[in-house]
């Protein structure tokens, strides 16, 4: 099993934690680049969150 498969599995079980990590990671990148790429970081965060939402397991 590759690391990508492991990450996908983790995201499926904990989507709220994954979205929080995306937000914190993007904010950290934004801060370290001096907010120079804010629009690109925000776009990446949105796409990552959309991916997490699309692959969320059905609620029982």
PDB file of N, CA and C in Angstrom:
ATOM      1  N   UNK A   1       0.858  -1.175   0.000  1.00  0.00           N
ATOM      2  CA  UNK A   1       0.000   0.000   0.000  1.00  0.00           C
ATOM      3  C   UNK A   1       0.900   1.232   0.000  1.00  0.00           C
ATOM      4  N   UNK A   2       0.609   2.136  -0.916  1.00  0.00           N
ATOM      5  CA  UNK A   2       1.425   3.346  -1.010  1.00  0.00           C
ATOM      6  C   UNK A   2       0.994   4.367   0.033  1.00  0.00           C
ATOM      7  N   UNK A   3       1.827   5.360   0.246  1.00  0.00           N
ATOM      8  CA  UNK A   3       1.505   6.415   1.210  1.00  0.00           C
ATOM      9  C   UNK A   3       0.274   7.193   0.767  1.00  0.00           C
ATOM     10  N   UNK A   4       0.077   7.332  -0.540  1.00  0.00           N
ATOM     11  CA  UNK A   4      -1.101   8.037  -1.045  1.00  0.00           C
ATOM     12  C   UNK A   4      -2.363   7.264  -0.658  1.00  0.00           C
ATOM     13  N   UNK A   5      -2.332   5.946  -0.782  1.00  0.00           N
ATOM     14  CA  UNK A   5      -3.480   5.129  -0.392  1.00  0.00           C
ATOM     15  C   UNK A   5      -3.761   5.247   1.101  1.00  0.00           C
ATOM     16  N   UNK A   6      -2.711   5.290   1.892  1.00  0.00           N
ATOM     17  CA  UNK A   6      -2.883   5.450   3.335  1.00  0.00           C
ATOM     18  C   UNK A   6      -3.508   6.795   3.660  1.00  0.00           C
ATOM     19  N   UNK A   7      -3.055   7.853   2.990  1.00  0.00           N
ATOM     20  CA  UNK A   7      -3.628   9.183   3.216  1.00  0.00           C
ATOM     21  C   UNK A   7      -5.094   9.237   2.803  1.00  0.00           C
ATOM     22  N   UNK A   8      -5.414   8.631   1.679  1.00  0.00           N
ATOM     23  CA  UNK A   8      -6.806   8.612   1.235  1.00  0.00           C
ATOM     24  C   UNK A   8      -7.682   7.888   2.255  1.00  0.00           C
ATOM     25  N   UNK A   9      -7.188   6.793   2.801  1.00  0.00           N
ATOM     26  CA  UNK A   9      -7.939   6.072   3.816  1.00  0.00           C
ATOM     27  C   UNK A   9      -8.146   6.904   5.059  1.00  0.00           C
ATOM     28  N   UNK A  10      -7.110   7.599   5.482  1.00  0.00           N
ATOM     29  CA  UNK A  10      -7.206   8.452   6.659  1.00  0.00           C
ATOM     30  C   UNK A  10      -8.215   9.579   6.421  1.00  0.00           C
ATOM     31  N   UNK A  11      -8.186  10.172   5.245  1.00  0.00           N
ATOM     32  CA  UNK A  11      -9.107  11.268   4.932  1.00  0.00           C
ATOM     33  C   UNK A  11     -10.549  10.784   4.973  1.00  0.00           C
ATOM     34  N   UNK A  12     -10.767   9.573   4.524  1.00  0.00           N
ATOM     35  CA  UNK A  12     -12.117   9.037   4.509  1.00  0.00           C
ATOM     36  C   UNK A  12     -12.687   8.830   5.895  1.00  0.00           C
ATOM     37  N   UNK A  13     -11.835   8.513   6.849  1.00  0.00           N
ATOM     38  CA  UNK A  13     -12.304   8.248   8.207  1.00  0.00           C
ATOM     39  C   UNK A  13     -12.409   9.495   9.057  1.00  0.00           C
ATOM     40  N   UNK A  14     -11.686  10.539   8.721  1.00  0.00           N
ATOM     41  CA  UNK A  14     -11.645  11.755   9.535  1.00  0.00           C
ATOM     42  C   UNK A  14     -11.703  13.009   8.663  1.00  0.00           C
ATOM     43  N   UNK A  15     -12.788  13.215   7.924  1.00  0.00           N
ATOM     44  CA  UNK A  15     -12.834  14.348   7.000  1.00  0.00           C
ATOM     45  C   UNK A  15     -12.768  15.706   7.694  1.00  0.00           C
ATOM     46  N   UNK A  16     -13.355  15.828   8.873  1.00  0.00           N
ATOM     47  CA  UNK A  16     -13.316  17.125   9.561  1.00  0.00           C
ATOM     48  C   UNK A  16     -11.898  17.477   9.997  1.00  0.00           C
ATOM     49  N   UNK A  17     -11.166  16.477  10.478  1.00  0.00           N
ATOM     50  CA  UNK A  17      -9.777  16.716  10.872  1.00  0.00           C
ATOM     51  C   UNK A  17      -8.924  17.036   9.652  1.00  0.00           C
ATOM     52  N   UNK A  18      -9.216  16.375   8.535  1.00  0.00           N
ATOM     53  CA  UNK A  18      -8.459  16.623   7.308  1.00  0.00           C
ATOM     54  C   UNK A  18      -8.685  18.045   6.815  1.00  0.00           C
ATOM     55  N   UNK A  19      -9.943  18.510   6.856  1.00  0.00           N
ATOM     56  CA  UNK A  19     -10.243  19.870   6.413  1.00  0.00           C
ATOM     57  C   UNK A  19      -9.575  20.892   7.330  1.00  0.00           C
ATOM     58  N   UNK A  20      -9.526  20.605   8.615  1.00  0.00           N
ATOM     59  CA  UNK A  20      -8.849  21.495   9.561  1.00  0.00           C
ATOM     60  C   UNK A  20      -7.351  21.548   9.253  1.00  0.00           C
ATOM     61  N   UNK A  21      -6.765  20.394   8.933  1.00  0.00           N
ATOM     62  CA  UNK A  21      -5.339  20.349   8.598  1.00  0.00           C
ATOM     63  C   UNK A  21      -5.048  21.111   7.312  1.00  0.00           C
ATOM     64  N   UNK A  22      -5.943  21.021   6.332  1.00  0.00           N
ATOM     65  CA  UNK A  22      -5.781  21.770   5.085  1.00  0.00           C
ATOM     66  C   UNK A  22      -5.781  23.267   5.384  1.00  0.00           C
ATOM     67  N   UNK A  23      -6.697  23.697   6.220  1.00  0.00           N
ATOM     68  CA  UNK A  23      -6.806  25.116   6.568  1.00  0.00           C
ATOM     69  C   UNK A  23      -5.540  25.600   7.291  1.00  0.00           C
ATOM     70  N   UNK A  24      -5.105  24.836   8.289  1.00  0.00           N
ATOM     71  CA  UNK A  24      -3.906  25.246   9.042  1.00  0.00           C
ATOM     72  C   UNK A  24      -2.662  25.220   8.177  1.00  0.00           C
ATOM     73  N   UNK A  25      -2.546  24.187   7.336  1.00  0.00           N
ATOM     74  CA  UNK A  25      -1.386  24.093   6.456  1.00  0.00           C
ATOM     75  C   UNK A  25      -1.334  25.232   5.452  1.00  0.00           C
ATOM     76  N   UNK A  26      -2.472  25.555   4.871  1.00  0.00           N
ATOM     77  CA  UNK A  26      -2.529  26.665   3.928  1.00  0.00           C
ATOM     78  C   UNK A  26      -2.197  27.991   4.585  1.00  0.00           C
ATOM     79  N   UNK A  27      -2.708  28.178   5.791  1.00  0.00           N
ATOM     80  CA  UNK A  27      -2.415  29.420   6.516  1.00  0.00           C
ATOM     81  C   UNK A  27      -0.926  29.523   6.843  1.00  0.00           C
ATOM     82  N   UNK A  28      -0.303  28.401   7.183  1.00  0.00           N
ATOM     83  CA  UNK A  28       1.129  28.405   7.492  1.00  0.00           C
ATOM     84  C   UNK A  28       1.945  28.743   6.232  1.00  0.00           C
ATOM     85  N   UNK A  29       1.562  28.157   5.115  1.00  0.00           N
ATOM     86  CA  UNK A  29       2.255  28.459   3.855  1.00  0.00           C
ATOM     87  C   UNK A  29       2.092  29.935   3.514  1.00  0.00           C
ATOM     88  N   UNK A  30       0.882  30.428   3.675  1.00  0.00           N
ATOM     89  CA  UNK A  30       0.595  31.832   3.380  1.00  0.00           C
ATOM     90  C   UNK A  30       1.452  32.754   4.247  1.00  0.00           C
ATOM     91  N   UNK A  31       1.561  32.417   5.520  1.00  0.00           N
ATOM     92  CA  UNK A  31       2.357  33.236   6.447  1.00  0.00           C
ATOM     93  C   UNK A  31       3.834  33.210   6.081  1.00  0.00           C
ATOM     94  N   UNK A  32       4.339  32.022   5.749  1.00  0.00           N
ATOM     95  CA  UNK A  32       5.772  31.893   5.441  1.00  0.00           C
ATOM     96  C   UNK A  32       6.160  32.549   4.124  1.00  0.00           C
ATOM     97  N   UNK A  33       5.199  32.723   3.231  1.00  0.00           N
ATOM     98  CA  UNK A  33       5.494  33.387   1.961  1.00  0.00           C
ATOM     99  C   UNK A  33       5.154  34.867   2.010  1.00  0.00           C
ATOM    100  N   UNK A  34       4.849  35.356   3.203  1.00  0.00           N
ATOM    101  CA  UNK A  34       4.537  36.770   3.358  1.00  0.00           C
ATOM    102  C   UNK A  34       3.252  37.174   2.654  1.00  0.00           C
ATOM    103  N   UNK A  35       2.293  36.256   2.612  1.00  0.00           N
ATOM    104  CA  UNK A  35       0.994  36.492   1.965  1.00  0.00           C
ATOM    105  C   UNK A  35       1.128  36.844   0.488  1.00  0.00           C
ATOM    106  N   UNK A  36       2.243  36.470  -0.112  1.00  0.00           N
ATOM    107  CA  UNK A  36       2.495  36.798  -1.510  1.00  0.00           C
ATOM    108  C   UNK A  36       1.620  35.967  -2.460  1.00  0.00           C
ATOM    109  N   UNK A  37       1.232  34.776  -2.028  1.00  0.00           N
ATOM    110  CA  UNK A  37       0.476  33.857  -2.879  1.00  0.00           C
ATOM    111  C   UNK A  37      -0.879  33.511  -2.271  1.00  0.00           C
ATOM    112  N   UNK A  38      -1.488  34.450  -1.571  1.00  0.00           N
ATOM    113  CA  UNK A  38      -2.740  34.194  -0.856  1.00  0.00           C
ATOM    114  C   UNK A  38      -3.815  33.629  -1.768  1.00  0.00           C
ATOM    115  N   UNK A  39      -3.980  34.197  -2.948  1.00  0.00           N
ATOM    116  CA  UNK A  39      -5.034  33.719  -3.843  1.00  0.00           C
ATOM    117  C   UNK A  39      -4.801  32.284  -4.289  1.00  0.00           C
ATOM    118  N   UNK A  40      -3.555  31.934  -4.538  1.00  0.00           N
ATOM    119  CA  UNK A  40      -3.234  30.568  -4.956  1.00  0.00           C
ATOM    120  C   UNK A  40      -3.383  29.586  -3.796  1.00  0.00           C
ATOM    121  N   UNK A  41      -2.979  30.001  -2.607  1.00  0.00           N
ATOM    122  CA  UNK A  41      -3.123  29.147  -1.425  1.00  0.00           C
ATOM    123  C   UNK A  41      -4.604  28.914  -1.144  1.00  0.00           C
ATOM    124  N   UNK A  42      -5.401  29.962  -1.213  1.00  0.00           N
ATOM    125  CA  UNK A  42      -6.842  29.829  -0.979  1.00  0.00           C
ATOM    126  C   UNK A  42      -7.479  28.893  -2.000  1.00  0.00           C
ATOM    127  N   UNK A  43      -7.056  29.007  -3.253  1.00  0.00           N
ATOM    128  CA  UNK A  43      -7.587  28.142  -4.294  1.00  0.00           C
ATOM    129  C   UNK A  43      -7.223  26.678  -4.006  1.00  0.00           C
ATOM    130  N   UNK A  44      -6.004  26.450  -3.576  1.00  0.00           N
ATOM    131  CA  UNK A  44      -5.583  25.093  -3.229  1.00  0.00           C
ATOM    132  C   UNK A  44      -6.368  24.539  -2.047  1.00  0.00           C
ATOM    133  N   UNK A  45      -6.616  25.378  -1.056  1.00  0.00           N
ATOM    134  CA  UNK A  45      -7.405  24.948   0.092  1.00  0.00           C
ATOM    135  C   UNK A  45      -8.831  24.590  -0.340  1.00  0.00           C
ATOM    136  N   UNK A  46      -9.425  25.402  -1.196  1.00  0.00           N
ATOM    137  CA  UNK A  46     -10.779  25.125  -1.675  1.00  0.00           C
ATOM    138  C   UNK A  46     -10.840  23.807  -2.441  1.00  0.00           C
ATOM    139  N   UNK A  47      -9.870  23.575  -3.312  1.00  0.00           N
ATOM    140  CA  UNK A  47      -9.856  22.338  -4.092  1.00  0.00           C
ATOM    141  C   UNK A  47      -9.648  21.127  -3.189  1.00  0.00           C
ATOM    142  N   UNK A  48      -8.772  21.256  -2.199  1.00  0.00           N
ATOM    143  CA  UNK A  48      -8.549  20.152  -1.268  1.00  0.00           C
ATOM    144  C   UNK A  48      -9.811  19.860  -0.467  1.00  0.00           C
ATOM    145  N   UNK A  49     -10.486  20.903  -0.006  1.00  0.00           N
ATOM    146  CA  UNK A  49     -11.723  20.707   0.752  1.00  0.00           C
ATOM    147  C   UNK A  49     -12.825  20.113  -0.129  1.00  0.00           C
ATOM    148  N   UNK A  50     -12.895  20.518  -1.383  1.00  0.00           N
ATOM    149  CA  UNK A  50     -13.872  19.930  -2.307  1.00  0.00           C
ATOM    150  C   UNK A  50     -13.591  18.440  -2.499  1.00  0.00           C
ATOM    151  N   UNK A  51     -12.326  18.088  -2.639  1.00  0.00           N
ATOM    152  CA  UNK A  51     -11.939  16.683  -2.790  1.00  0.00           C
ATOM    153  C   UNK A  51     -12.361  15.879  -1.559  1.00  0.00           C
ATOM    154  N   UNK A  52     -12.109  16.434  -0.391  1.00  0.00           N
ATOM    155  CA  UNK A  52     -12.478  15.747   0.855  1.00  0.00           C
ATOM    156  C   UNK A  52     -13.992  15.564   0.914  1.00  0.00           C
ATOM    157  N   UNK A  53     -14.750  16.590   0.553  1.00  0.00           N
ATOM    158  CA  UNK A  53     -16.210  16.500   0.578  1.00  0.00           C
ATOM    159  C   UNK A  53     -16.731  15.469  -0.420  1.00  0.00           C
ATOM    160  N   UNK A  54     -16.148  15.422  -1.615  1.00  0.00           N
ATOM    161  CA  UNK A  54     -16.590  14.466  -2.639  1.00  0.00           C
ATOM    162  C   UNK A  54     -16.321  13.027  -2.227  1.00  0.00           C
ATOM    163  N   UNK A  55     -15.274  12.818  -1.459  1.00  0.00           N
ATOM    164  CA  UNK A  55     -14.880  11.460  -1.078  1.00  0.00           C
ATOM    165  C   UNK A  55     -15.260  11.100   0.347  1.00  0.00           C
ATOM    166  N   UNK A  56     -16.164  11.863   0.916  1.00  0.00           N
ATOM    167  CA  UNK A  56     -16.638  11.594   2.271  1.00  0.00           C
ATOM    168  C   UNK A  56     -17.484  10.327   2.262  1.00  0.00           C
ATOM    169  N   UNK A  57     -17.240   9.413   3.214  1.00  0.00           N
ATOM    170  CA  UNK A  57     -18.050   8.192   3.244  1.00  0.00           C
ATOM    171  C   UNK A  57     -19.495   8.501   3.630  1.00  0.00           C
ATOM    172  N   UNK A  58     -20.430   7.723   3.132  1.00  0.00           N
ATOM    173  CA  UNK A  58     -21.841   7.961   3.467  1.00  0.00           C
ATOM    174  C   UNK A  58     -22.069   7.794   4.969  1.00  0.00           C
ATOM    175  N   UNK A  59     -22.940   8.633   5.498  1.00  0.00           N
ATOM    176  CA  UNK A  59     -23.266   8.559   6.923  1.00  0.00           C
ATOM    177  C   UNK A  59     -24.251   7.411   7.141  1.00  0.00           C
ATOM    178  N   UNK A  60     -24.051   6.666   8.236  1.00  0.00           N
ATOM    179  CA  UNK A  60     -24.941   5.549   8.520  1.00  0.00           C
ATOM    180  C   UNK A  60     -26.095   5.976   9.369  1.00  0.00           C
TER     181      UNK A  60
END
